[in-house]
Amino acid sequence: MRLDLGSDLRALRGENLTAVNVLRAYAEMVTTVHEQEPAVRFRTIEPDLVDGRNGAIGFLISYVFYPYGHLGDYSVAEDVDLRVPVTTLARGSGAVTP
């Protein structure tokens, strides 16, 4: 997720990797995606420690994708699972690792 989608993940850059900051990142992702993407509804988001020593964290995300959600049609649904290695909590890193 890019930092310019309306989330406040930028404020977490350089912060310690604590449970509170992980929860803040989770809340920002859910709020932003639900506000700006009507075709996506999260089922679960699990933190996944990528490199705890350097403050890098990832998220295992399971969600439902509604291809016609932007049109208000939620009759077609697709389940999606993915792993997003986010390094926003790591000092001096970018938003998303390749």
N, C-alpha and C. Protein backbone atom coordinates (compact mmCIF):
# COMPACT_ATOMS: atom_id res chain seq x y z
N MET A 1 0.85 -1.17 0.00
CA MET A 1 0.00 0.00 0.00
C MET A 1 0.90 1.23 0.00
N ARG A 2 0.61 2.16 -0.82
CA ARG A 2 1.41 3.36 -0.89
C ARG A 2 1.04 4.29 0.25
N LEU A 3 1.96 5.15 0.62
CA LEU A 3 1.72 6.06 1.74
C LEU A 3 0.75 7.18 1.40
N ASP A 4 0.47 7.42 0.14
CA ASP A 4 -0.37 8.56 -0.23
C ASP A 4 -1.83 8.16 -0.47
N LEU A 5 -2.29 7.05 0.06
CA LEU A 5 -3.67 6.63 -0.13
C LEU A 5 -4.60 7.13 0.96
N GLY A 6 -4.13 8.04 1.79
CA GLY A 6 -4.99 8.57 2.83
C GLY A 6 -4.73 7.95 4.19
N SER A 7 -3.80 7.01 4.26
CA SER A 7 -3.49 6.40 5.55
C SER A 7 -2.47 7.26 6.28
N ASP A 8 -2.31 7.00 7.57
CA ASP A 8 -1.35 7.73 8.38
C ASP A 8 -0.17 6.82 8.73
N LEU A 9 0.21 5.93 7.81
CA LEU A 9 1.33 5.05 8.05
C LEU A 9 2.66 5.81 8.11
N ARG A 10 2.70 6.94 7.47
CA ARG A 10 3.93 7.74 7.45
C ARG A 10 4.36 8.11 8.87
N ALA A 11 3.39 8.33 9.76
CA ALA A 11 3.71 8.69 11.14
C ALA A 11 4.40 7.56 11.90
N LEU A 12 4.27 6.33 11.41
CA LEU A 12 4.88 5.19 12.09
C LEU A 12 6.31 4.92 11.67
N ARG A 13 6.78 5.57 10.62
CA ARG A 13 8.16 5.36 10.18
C ARG A 13 9.13 5.79 11.27
N GLY A 14 10.07 4.93 11.56
CA GLY A 14 11.08 5.24 12.56
C GLY A 14 10.65 4.93 13.98
N GLU A 15 9.42 4.48 14.16
CA GLU A 15 8.94 4.13 15.50
C GLU A 15 9.39 2.72 15.86
N ASN A 16 9.44 2.42 17.15
CA ASN A 16 9.79 1.08 17.59
C ASN A 16 8.70 0.09 17.19
N LEU A 17 9.10 -1.14 16.97
CA LEU A 17 8.17 -2.20 16.59
C LEU A 17 7.54 -2.76 17.87
N THR A 18 6.49 -2.08 18.32
CA THR A 18 5.77 -2.50 19.52
C THR A 18 4.38 -2.98 19.12
N ALA A 19 3.72 -3.66 20.04
CA ALA A 19 2.36 -4.14 19.78
C ALA A 19 1.42 -2.98 19.47
N VAL A 20 1.60 -1.87 20.15
CA VAL A 20 0.74 -0.71 19.91
C VAL A 20 0.93 -0.16 18.50
N ASN A 21 2.17 -0.08 18.04
CA ASN A 21 2.43 0.43 16.69
C ASN A 21 1.97 -0.54 15.61
N VAL A 22 2.08 -1.84 15.86
CA VAL A 22 1.56 -2.82 14.91
C VAL A 22 0.05 -2.68 14.81
N LEU A 23 -0.62 -2.49 15.95
CA LEU A 23 -2.07 -2.29 15.95
C LEU A 23 -2.45 -0.99 15.23
N ARG A 24 -1.65 0.05 15.42
CA ARG A 24 -1.91 1.31 14.70
C ARG A 24 -1.79 1.11 13.19
N ALA A 25 -0.76 0.37 12.75
CA ALA A 25 -0.59 0.10 11.32
C ALA A 25 -1.78 -0.70 10.79
N TYR A 26 -2.21 -1.70 11.54
CA TYR A 26 -3.36 -2.52 11.16
C TYR A 26 -4.61 -1.65 11.02
N ALA A 27 -4.86 -0.82 12.01
CA ALA A 27 -6.04 0.05 11.99
C ALA A 27 -6.01 1.02 10.81
N GLU A 28 -4.84 1.56 10.50
CA GLU A 28 -4.72 2.47 9.36
C GLU A 28 -5.00 1.77 8.05
N MET A 29 -4.47 0.56 7.90
CA MET A 29 -4.70 -0.19 6.66
C MET A 29 -6.18 -0.50 6.47
N VAL A 30 -6.82 -1.02 7.51
CA VAL A 30 -8.23 -1.39 7.41
C VAL A 30 -9.10 -0.16 7.13
N THR A 31 -8.89 0.90 7.88
CA THR A 31 -9.69 2.11 7.70
C THR A 31 -9.53 2.68 6.30
N THR A 32 -8.31 2.80 5.83
CA THR A 32 -8.05 3.39 4.52
C THR A 32 -8.63 2.55 3.39
N VAL A 33 -8.40 1.24 3.44
CA VAL A 33 -8.91 0.38 2.37
C VAL A 33 -10.43 0.37 2.37
N HIS A 34 -11.05 0.29 3.52
CA HIS A 34 -12.52 0.27 3.56
C HIS A 34 -13.13 1.61 3.13
N GLU A 35 -12.43 2.71 3.37
CA GLU A 35 -12.94 4.02 2.95
C GLU A 35 -12.77 4.24 1.45
N GLN A 36 -11.69 3.73 0.87
CA GLN A 36 -11.35 4.08 -0.51
C GLN A 36 -11.51 2.96 -1.53
N GLU A 37 -11.74 1.75 -1.09
CA GLU A 37 -11.85 0.63 -2.02
C GLU A 37 -13.10 -0.19 -1.71
N PRO A 38 -14.22 0.11 -2.37
CA PRO A 38 -15.47 -0.60 -2.07
C PRO A 38 -15.46 -2.06 -2.49
N ALA A 39 -14.48 -2.48 -3.27
CA ALA A 39 -14.44 -3.85 -3.77
C ALA A 39 -13.67 -4.80 -2.84
N VAL A 40 -13.09 -4.29 -1.75
CA VAL A 40 -12.27 -5.12 -0.86
C VAL A 40 -12.83 -5.07 0.56
N ARG A 41 -12.99 -6.26 1.16
CA ARG A 41 -13.38 -6.35 2.56
C ARG A 41 -12.48 -7.39 3.22
N PHE A 42 -11.72 -6.94 4.23
CA PHE A 42 -10.79 -7.82 4.92
C PHE A 42 -11.53 -8.88 5.73
N ARG A 43 -10.97 -10.07 5.73
CA ARG A 43 -11.43 -11.13 6.63
C ARG A 43 -10.49 -11.21 7.82
N THR A 44 -9.21 -11.40 7.52
CA THR A 44 -8.21 -11.44 8.60
C THR A 44 -6.94 -10.73 8.15
N ILE A 45 -6.26 -10.17 9.13
CA ILE A 45 -4.93 -9.60 8.92
C ILE A 45 -4.08 -10.06 10.10
N GLU A 46 -3.01 -10.78 9.79
CA GLU A 46 -2.13 -11.29 10.83
C GLU A 46 -0.75 -10.69 10.66
N PRO A 47 -0.18 -10.12 11.73
CA PRO A 47 1.20 -9.61 11.61
C PRO A 47 2.17 -10.77 11.42
N ASP A 48 3.19 -10.54 10.62
CA ASP A 48 4.20 -11.54 10.32
C ASP A 48 5.56 -10.86 10.42
N LEU A 49 6.33 -11.23 11.41
CA LEU A 49 7.63 -10.59 11.64
C LEU A 49 8.59 -10.96 10.53
N VAL A 50 9.02 -9.97 9.75
CA VAL A 50 9.96 -10.19 8.66
C VAL A 50 11.39 -10.11 9.18
N ASP A 51 11.70 -9.05 9.90
CA ASP A 51 13.03 -8.86 10.48
C ASP A 51 12.86 -7.99 11.72
N GLY A 52 12.58 -8.63 12.84
CA GLY A 52 12.31 -7.90 14.08
C GLY A 52 13.47 -7.05 14.55
N ARG A 53 14.68 -7.49 14.30
CA ARG A 53 15.86 -6.74 14.73
C ARG A 53 15.92 -5.38 14.06
N ASN A 54 15.48 -5.32 12.80
CA ASN A 54 15.48 -4.05 12.06
C ASN A 54 14.11 -3.40 12.00
N GLY A 55 13.13 -3.96 12.68
CA GLY A 55 11.81 -3.34 12.73
C GLY A 55 10.96 -3.58 11.50
N ALA A 56 11.28 -4.59 10.70
CA ALA A 56 10.50 -4.86 9.49
C ALA A 56 9.40 -5.87 9.81
N ILE A 57 8.20 -5.56 9.36
CA ILE A 57 7.06 -6.42 9.62
C ILE A 57 6.28 -6.63 8.33
N GLY A 58 5.62 -7.74 8.25
CA GLY A 58 4.75 -8.03 7.11
C GLY A 58 3.37 -8.36 7.63
N PHE A 59 2.42 -8.49 6.73
CA PHE A 59 1.06 -8.84 7.12
C PHE A 59 0.56 -9.94 6.20
N LEU A 60 -0.03 -10.97 6.78
CA LEU A 60 -0.72 -12.01 6.03
C LEU A 60 -2.18 -11.58 5.96
N ILE A 61 -2.64 -11.31 4.76
CA ILE A 61 -3.96 -10.72 4.58
C ILE A 61 -4.88 -11.69 3.84
N SER A 62 -6.06 -11.87 4.39
CA SER A 62 -7.10 -12.65 3.73
C SER A 62 -8.29 -11.71 3.57
N TYR A 63 -8.78 -11.61 2.34
CA TYR A 63 -9.90 -10.70 2.12
C TYR A 63 -10.83 -11.22 1.03
N VAL A 64 -11.98 -10.58 0.94
CA VAL A 64 -12.95 -10.89 -0.10
C VAL A 64 -12.91 -9.75 -1.11
N PHE A 65 -12.77 -10.11 -2.38
CA PHE A 65 -12.76 -9.12 -3.44
C PHE A 65 -14.07 -9.19 -4.20
N TYR A 66 -14.73 -8.05 -4.33
CA TYR A 66 -15.98 -7.95 -5.08
C TYR A 66 -15.68 -7.19 -6.37
N PRO A 67 -15.56 -7.89 -7.52
CA PRO A 67 -15.17 -7.24 -8.77
C PRO A 67 -16.08 -6.09 -9.18
N TYR A 68 -17.34 -6.15 -8.80
CA TYR A 68 -18.28 -5.10 -9.17
C TYR A 68 -18.70 -4.26 -7.97
N GLY A 69 -17.90 -4.31 -6.91
CA GLY A 69 -18.20 -3.56 -5.69
C GLY A 69 -18.27 -2.06 -5.92
N HIS A 70 -17.45 -1.56 -6.84
CA HIS A 70 -17.45 -0.12 -7.14
C HIS A 70 -18.77 0.31 -7.76
N LEU A 71 -19.55 -0.66 -8.24
CA LEU A 71 -20.86 -0.36 -8.81
C LEU A 71 -21.99 -0.66 -7.82
N GLY A 72 -21.63 -1.09 -6.62
CA GLY A 72 -22.62 -1.42 -5.61
C GLY A 72 -23.16 -2.84 -5.71
N ASP A 73 -22.56 -3.66 -6.58
CA ASP A 73 -22.99 -5.04 -6.77
C ASP A 73 -22.04 -5.96 -6.01
N TYR A 74 -22.54 -6.56 -4.93
CA TYR A 74 -21.72 -7.45 -4.10
C TYR A 74 -22.13 -8.91 -4.25
N SER A 75 -22.76 -9.25 -5.38
CA SER A 75 -23.25 -10.62 -5.59
C SER A 75 -22.12 -11.56 -6.03
N VAL A 76 -21.05 -11.04 -6.62
CA VAL A 76 -19.92 -11.86 -7.06
C VAL A 76 -18.76 -11.61 -6.09
N ALA A 77 -18.23 -12.69 -5.50
CA ALA A 77 -17.15 -12.55 -4.52
C ALA A 77 -16.04 -13.54 -4.83
N GLU A 78 -14.80 -13.09 -4.60
CA GLU A 78 -13.63 -13.93 -4.78
C GLU A 78 -12.77 -13.86 -3.52
N ASP A 79 -12.35 -15.01 -3.00
CA ASP A 79 -11.47 -15.03 -1.84
C ASP A 79 -10.02 -14.84 -2.28
N VAL A 80 -9.28 -14.04 -1.52
CA VAL A 80 -7.88 -13.75 -1.85
C VAL A 80 -7.04 -13.85 -0.58
N ASP A 81 -5.88 -14.46 -0.68
CA ASP A 81 -4.90 -14.51 0.40
C ASP A 81 -3.58 -13.98 -0.15
N LEU A 82 -2.91 -13.12 0.61
CA LEU A 82 -1.61 -12.62 0.18
C LEU A 82 -0.76 -12.22 1.37
N ARG A 83 0.53 -12.12 1.13
CA ARG A 83 1.49 -11.69 2.14
C ARG A 83 2.10 -10.38 1.67
N VAL A 84 2.01 -9.38 2.52
CA VAL A 84 2.55 -8.06 2.19
C VAL A 84 3.70 -7.75 3.14
N PRO A 85 4.93 -7.72 2.64
CA PRO A 85 6.06 -7.36 3.49
C PRO A 85 6.20 -5.85 3.59
N VAL A 86 5.65 -5.28 4.62
CA VAL A 86 5.68 -3.83 4.82
C VAL A 86 6.83 -3.48 5.73
N THR A 87 7.57 -2.44 5.39
CA THR A 87 8.68 -2.02 6.23
C THR A 87 8.49 -0.60 6.73
N THR A 88 7.27 -0.17 6.86
CA THR A 88 7.03 1.21 7.28
C THR A 88 7.51 1.48 8.70
N LEU A 89 7.65 0.45 9.50
CA LEU A 89 8.11 0.66 10.87
C LEU A 89 9.62 0.62 11.00
N ALA A 90 10.29 0.26 9.91
CA ALA A 90 11.74 0.20 9.94
C ALA A 90 12.32 1.60 9.70
N ARG A 91 13.36 1.91 10.37
CA ARG A 91 13.98 3.23 10.23
C ARG A 91 14.55 3.44 8.84
N GLY A 92 14.15 4.54 8.21
CA GLY A 92 14.71 4.92 6.92
C GLY A 92 14.34 4.03 5.77
N SER A 93 13.29 3.27 5.87
CA SER A 93 12.93 2.36 4.79
C SER A 93 11.80 2.93 3.96
N GLY A 94 11.50 2.26 2.86
CA GLY A 94 10.37 2.65 2.02
C GLY A 94 9.08 2.08 2.57
N ALA A 95 7.98 2.34 1.90
CA ALA A 95 6.69 1.90 2.37
C ALA A 95 6.47 0.41 2.16
N VAL A 96 6.82 -0.08 1.00
CA VAL A 96 6.58 -1.48 0.68
C VAL A 96 7.83 -2.04 0.03
N THR A 97 8.23 -3.20 0.47
CA THR A 97 9.39 -3.84 -0.15
C THR A 97 8.97 -4.59 -1.38
N PRO A 98 9.83 -4.73 -2.37
CA PRO A 98 9.47 -5.45 -3.59
C PRO A 98 9.37 -6.94 -3.34
